[in-house]
Every structure is written in C-alpha cells, then in structure tokens.
Amino acid sequence: MTGTAELNVDEGSGESATDGSAPRGEDAPPVDLRHRARDAHHTGEDAVAAQLPPDDGADRPGTPDRPPERPDQHTAGQPADGAAGEDAGEHPDEPAGEHLAVDEPLLPPRAHRPSDLLRFLAGLLGIVAVFVLAQVAVSTTSGIESDITINAKRIPDLLSTISALVSSVAVLAVPLAFAVERLIKRDGLRVADGVLASVLAYGVSLGVDWWVAASAPEEIRNALTQFGPGGGETLTDPVHGYLAPVIAYMTAVGMSSRPRWRVALWIVVILSGATELVNGYTTPLSLLLTVLIGWSVAYGTLYAIGSPNIRPTGQHLMIGLRKVGFTPSAAHLAPDGPGGTRRYLVVQQQGPLLDVHIIDREQQASGFFYRAWRRLRLRSVAVRRSPQSLRQALEQEALIAYAAAASGARAPQLVATSELGPDAAILVYENVAGRTLDELADEEVTDAVMASFWASVATLHERRIAHRRLTGESLLAVDERTGCLINLSGGDIAAGDLTLRIDVAQLLTTFALRTGPERAVAAATGVLGPARVAEALPLLQPVGLSRQTRGDLQRMTKERKAAAKALALKQVASGERTQQQAEEDIAQANEDLLAKLRGQILQIAPEAPMAPAKLERLKPKTLIMLVALTFAAYLALTTIRPDQFKVSQMNWAWAAAALAAAAGSYVAAAMSLTGFVPEKLPFGRTVAAQVAGSFVKLVAPAAVGGIALNTRYLQKAGIRPVQAAASVGASQLAGLGGHLLLLFAFGLITGTQTNGDLGASRAVIIGVLSAAVLALVVAAVAPLRRFVVTRVRSLLFGVIPRMLDLMQTPRKLVTGFGGILLLTLSFTACLDASVQAFGGGGHVTYAAVAVVFLTANAAGSAIPTPGGIGPVEIALIGALTAAGVPLTAATPAVFLYRLLTFWLPVVPGWVAYNVLQRKDAL
C-alpha cells in the first residue's frame, strides 16, 4: 500500500511529529529509482515530471503547483551542476521544509532479528551448562556455599536487614518507574514486550522449581537449593520467582540506548542477588540459573513476537536531509538495493534529484545465517567483508563511492553522508537515470553497453578496487552505449588479484546469462584483452559466484534440460530423430553455462589455466560426513543395546553364517547393477561402490541414496548422464518386478508347507487387489493421471530403450537378474540365520522368513527415514512375531540382522566412499 503523508516539521526539531502509523492513500504508485534516460531536449521540469508519479497534491495547501525545474539529465560520472531552474524560488515566502510529501508503503511493525535467536540459544546452552556443572562439580559447589555461609555470619544483622529492605523495594520500584517514563514518552510497545517476557519468565521459573523439587537428580537439587536460614526444614527456591522476571523485563525493553536506566537496574539486581545470597536464601548456581533464565526468556520472546521496528521512515529521512543542508520537497520509495538497503528518490525545492540510501541495524541483520555459512564454508578472499557496526557500514560504503569517483569509473556521485539517529544512517547520491541490466530486453543488451561496463570495471581494477557485486541489478544502462556501475557498498579497497579475478568471472557469467558465452567473452576480450580474461577461468565455478547468479544458472539449466527432453520425446515419437540422436541432444543441453564459458575462453587463450581455484575451506560433503558419523554414533548408542542381543544365548555358527550372507549381498548388488549397463565396468570397483552406499544410507533413505550414488558412479565411469540414469532406472524397475515375483512365489510355498493354510498367499492376493484399486483411482483422477503419464513417458524414453539394448547381450541380462535374485536370497539368508542364532528356527521356515523380509522390509522402507531406522526394525519384529517366532527370539534376531546389514558396514562404507572419491570414481 502506497500513498502520500504530510509532515509539518520544525526545522530545529530532532524528532518526527508522527510515529509513522498514519494511513496513506492507495492511488499513488511507487516510483522506480532507475529510469530510461530522457532525450537531451527535455527541460529540467520534464525530466523531474517523467521520473515521478502523477502528483495529485496540487490542490493541497502550501504545495507547489508543479515540480521545480532542474538541469538536463547528466550522464554517469558527470554530476549535474546543481543549479536551480528559473522558477526554483517562485515561493519565496514558503517556510523551508514546512510541507514534506513522502510516498512509501507502511513498514512492518516488528522485525525478527537473528541476533535475538543467537542470544536465546546461547542462554539455553548456559542453562544446560549450569545443570551439568551442578551434577559434576559437587565438591566445588558445596565448598563455595560453605565459604559464603561462614563469611556471611561476620556481616552485622542490621546491615543485612537494611540491604534486604532496600533491595526488595528497589527491585520493584525501579522497573515500575522506568515503565512510567516510557509510557509518558509513548513507547508503550516496548513496555508491553517486557511485561510479556516477565510473565513467561515467571512461568518458566515455576516449572524449573517444580522439576528440581520432584524429579531432578540429588546433585542438582543440592547445588540449587539449601535449607533456609535458622535451620528450618524448608528448601529455598532453585530459581527466584521475582528476580528472573525482572531480568527478563529489563532485557526485553532494551536498555542499550539508555545507559543510566541500565546501570540503575543492574545495580538493583546485583544488590538483590547479593542480599539473598548473604542471608542464605539462595546459592551461587541458583543465582546464575536465575539470570540465564531471565535472559533467555527475554530474547526468546523478542525473537518469537519480533522486536519493535526501529527502521526510520521516509519522514525521518526528510528531516535528516534538512539537517545536512538539502531542501527536499517530496520523497518516493524506490526498489530496495542489495541486502535490503532502502532507497528513496528525493525531489528538492532547489537542486537536482537525489538517490538516498538508508542503512540501518535491521537491514544489517538480514541474511545473517546465510552470510555466516558462506564465511564458514569459503576462504575469506571469496566472501565480502561484513561491517560489524552501523558506523563501519557507513564508512565502508562512503570510502568505496569516493574511491570509485576518484578512479574515473562511471558511478553515481556521493554528495553527503549522515547518521539518522542511533540506529540508521543515510548516503546521498546524485540521481543517474537509466535501467538496470535485469530490466533490459535481451536485444537491448548491446556490445557497446557491455564494453562500457567492462571499461568501468577495468578502471576500478587499475586502482585495486573490487566491486564484488557485478550482477544485473548493479549494472545501470544509461543509454544504448553507456553503462554505470551502482551498488558499490560491498566492494573492497586494495583488493588482491584473486578478488579482482572473481569480479571478472562474475561479470562474464552475468553477461553470458543474457547474451550467451560467445558475445560475453568477446566483449570482455575487447576491453581487457585475452590474458586478463583467461586469468578468470579458474574462478568460473558456482561457489565463487553470487547467490542470485547461482540461482539463475540452476534455473537456466533446468529449463533447457526440460525443453530439450520434451523436444526429444516429440521428435523420437514422430520419427524425426533416432533414440541416440535424442540422447545426444539432451546431453548437450545438460552442459552448464560455465562449462561453455570455459570452452569459449580456451578458444581465445589455449594456455589458460584449467585447474579450479581453491575457494572452499569446508566442503559440504565433509560436513555431511561429520554429521552422518555423529548421527550414526548417536543412533548406535541409543538404538542398539547390548542387553537386547543376549549374546550369551547366541549360536556363533549361525551368526557367522549371517555375516557371510550379509557380505554376499554386496557382490549381488554389484551384479544387479553391472547387468543393466551395456558398457564394461570394473567389478571390484563396482562392489566398492555398493559398500560405499552403506555409508550414504545414514543421511538419506536407502532407495534414494543408493540411486544417487550409483548414478554418480556410472557417470564417473564415462557413461553419459541420460544413459547412467536409464541404467539405474532399469535396475530398479527389474528389482521391483523381481521383488513382487519372489513375494508371490514364496507366499505360495509358505502356504503349501503349512498344510494348505494359504494365509501368506492370501496376503499377496490382497496386496495385488489393493494395487489394482489404486491403479483405478489414479486413472479416474485427472491430476494423478497426468502425473503418472508424465513419469511413464520418461520411463519409456530412458529405461525401456536401455532394456532393448540389453536384449542383444543375454549374458548381461542373466547377470542383472541373477544379481537381483541373489540379493534377495542373501538378505533372506542373513535374516534366517539370525533367527536360527537365537533359537527361533523351529518356529518358522526359510520360505516364511523370505515372505517376512519381502513384506516387512518394503513396508518399513516406505517411511523415508535414513536407512529405514526405526520402521524397518518395528516391521520385521512384528512380522516375525506374527509368523510364530517368539518375541524373545525375534527382537535379538532383528537387531543382529540390522547390525550385520546396516551398522557394521558403515565404517567400511566410509572408507570405500573416500577411496573412490580420491580416485575420482564418485
């Protein structure tokens, strides 16, 4: 919602006369900061009118009838002379700044700050640390309490009584006085936040008190409580029910800008805590726990409901501009800059249009977690520096702007800076008219304007200035031949060679996304020369590019792949192209833009370095492996307990047989994969890849992780992506068919072996009938039918042709289907041997165990937990029990089976995974 708000401003006033909540109209559209350059014959009046929305305020009292004239639009890097038009003083009797129109949407009343979340998490960790300390350092805590009790007896009783009285009164009076003071100054919103936090802190305090008294270990109870003074039998409270709310209140209201009140409140809190400690009503750890609870609850409340938005409004901006010597008459909100920087287009009573940037603490906090992850993952040279304070952010952007202007590059002229209160600052630029690269059509991105951008970048680089944000929103086309660099706030002074090369790689990719790699490289080479362009080749990797560019690359690749696949399906169906030609087209569409850029650079500079630069200090796969190993260790300690194995009752011969069957499953899995790949694969390495899949199961569902790993393995073996995916799909399809056939066969065998009791076969028949009903439902519901048809078409395009190729080599088919059969028999043999190891073999046959495995394992794996942890165990134990195996034998048998097939292979799988990666096989 946009509109216009009037503001009567006293020139000497330091505060706004309104809180920014006044309603605004809806009929005045917002204005874009960047516009097409007007023709040179436009007058100053026309130029201003062309950049502003229709002004319906001509009838408002005191508002000029038309915008003041200004000089013609200036080009980038050439500031206007600032002279006012002839009619600039046509209202000499109007007080300066009396009526200021601001066109902007209403700001959200609250903001969720990442810093509040971090402080809340830190408080929780502190609370956990207090409980751990209370349980571990028993001697230390009891010794401190004894020392305090002994020394407290030396304090006169009168002094203790007076301090207790003063602290009791002050701990309530000071917060109340502060609340009254805030309400008088119309800051009741913060007081309400503080009251809410104090109520929640009181509730948490009562909960902790109840837990410590009823359920906490004795060590924690002794550390947090003691018998009251005078030798009574009543224990003191673990958490002070009135001190924690006071701390929560004073933290939530925010005292950083009110040092006197902050000092007074903390003095009261310290005095109250010390008095309680000396008089024997608390313990040191209890005091610490009280402070942490109040602190944590306050920041948790602020993050949950949001802190009051302290971002300055456009009305505050107008007052700030008056203070630094400008004469604004109206301001219009423009699109935000990178990082959420608010920008305004300001019309002056005298002088040119101004582009004003506002940076504030809320904007600095946005994207905190993403920046923290990038800083952790990448080397410092590949990450833009983040200012630690508002003042540093102001100085950094001003320094970059002045340095860019001094270098001679085309960039907006910075004319003033100023702080806008304690939580915001403004930077005032002269307006440059134009449109960003993102706003231009592809045909409007001319070679001349690209060369102009490259010339400005080259000028910056000569002075060792890096832009660090050369995306489409930072490239302003003034006309069809001239470009201007904007958004320099994230740049670097005295940048190193690697940083400058990252700039070149980023701009190359930005232009390639719009014009293609050939024109992008040609434009860069024409300005920088082949050698400078070639130096950027090792930096053409996604991790070194901006977030926006990475998203654009992924979207382009996905769209091209989908379009190429749809076209190939259509051409193959019509007979225009063969299956092999269509696969080649899809493979070519899968080639990413960066690879094409690298190839284009190699054409002009064959000696260019090929090895990618090392920008990452921590790769995601390393982090995933650490998380997976930690997760595995936790699950192994909490899921599998030694008492469930009943090792003393286990038959070690059958356990060895189960281990051998589990090991044979990896050979069978390798056979089932190689049998559906016409190309020759090294069998030993294929077995190692299946072992590596045991590690991948920890962080992904078994089916998903295995498919991804096998597809990656085939691609590294030299098989094209389309054919690799088709081979893995064919293997999975054949495995599904084999699974159903074996289930039906073993179900019939089980029914025959139980004297005609065909319970298992009936279950199979019921399953088939259920599948038929599901197929009818899918056929009847249009959205489901379209979804299935799309997937089936893809299957027919990839998997079925691959199966037809395999028909020409029967040996491969025998290997593939033999591997599928052997894989199922191996897992069944492992489960059967595990049951036999705990004496359950007399209650169930091998065929029945096969039915149990085929049904229960599939049902448990349907729930997408990593490795099927939990559902698989429950399903297997339940199915074995239903088949007649006693629960006392079924439970340890299932845990032994899962130990041999899932947990023990984790370490060998991790070793195989790393070895194959070092050999570039994964």
Foldseek 3Di string as FASTA:
>chain_A
DKAKDKFFDDLPDQDGPDPQPDDGDDPFDFFAQFAAFDDQPDWQQRVVVVRGTDDPCCVPPPAPNGFWGAHHFDAFLDDDPFFTDPCLCVPVVRPFPRIEIEIDDRDDQFDQFVVLVVQLVVLVVVLVVLLVCLVPVLVVLVVQLVVLQVVLVVDDPVVLVVLQVVLVVLLPVLVVVVCVVCVVVVNNVLQVLLQVLLVVLLVVQVVVQVCLVPPRDPSSVVSQWDDAPPPDPDIAGSEDNSLLSSLLSVLSSDCPVPVVSVVSNVVSSVSNVVSCSSNRRTGPSSSVSSNSSSSSSNSVSCNVVGHGDPFDDVSLVCSVCSVVPFRFRYKGWHDADPLRWTWIFTRGSGTAIKIKTKDFPSSLRPPVVVLVVLPQWWPPLLHFDRDPDQVRLQVLQVVLQVLLSVLSARAWHWDDKAASPPTMIMTMTGRHHFAFQVPDALVLQDLQQLLQVLQSLVSCVVQPKAQSAQARVQWGDNHSRHIHGYDSSRMDGNRDPVRSLLRLLQNLLRVCLRHNLQSSVVSNCVRPNLVSNLQNLLVLDLSSYDPVSNVSQVVQLVVLLVVLLVVLLVCCVVVVDPLVVSLVSNLVSNDTRSVVNSVSSCVVPVPRDNHHDRTTPDDPVNVVLVVLVVLLVVCCVPPDDPVLQPVVLFDVVLLVQLLVLLLVLLLLVLLQLQLLQPDDDDSVLSSLLSLLLLQQLSPWQSVVSNLVSQLLLVVLVVDGSLQSNLSSVLSVVLLVVVLLVLLQVLLVVQCVVVPNNSPSNVVSVVVVVVVVVVVVVLVVDVVSVVVVVVVVSSNCSRHVVSVVVSVVPVVSVCSNNVSSVSNLLSLLSSLQSLLVRNPQNVQADSSLSSNQCSPQVVVLSVPIDRHSPPSSLVSSLVSSVVSGGDSSRSRSSSVSSCCSNRVVSNVSSVVSVVVCVVVSSD
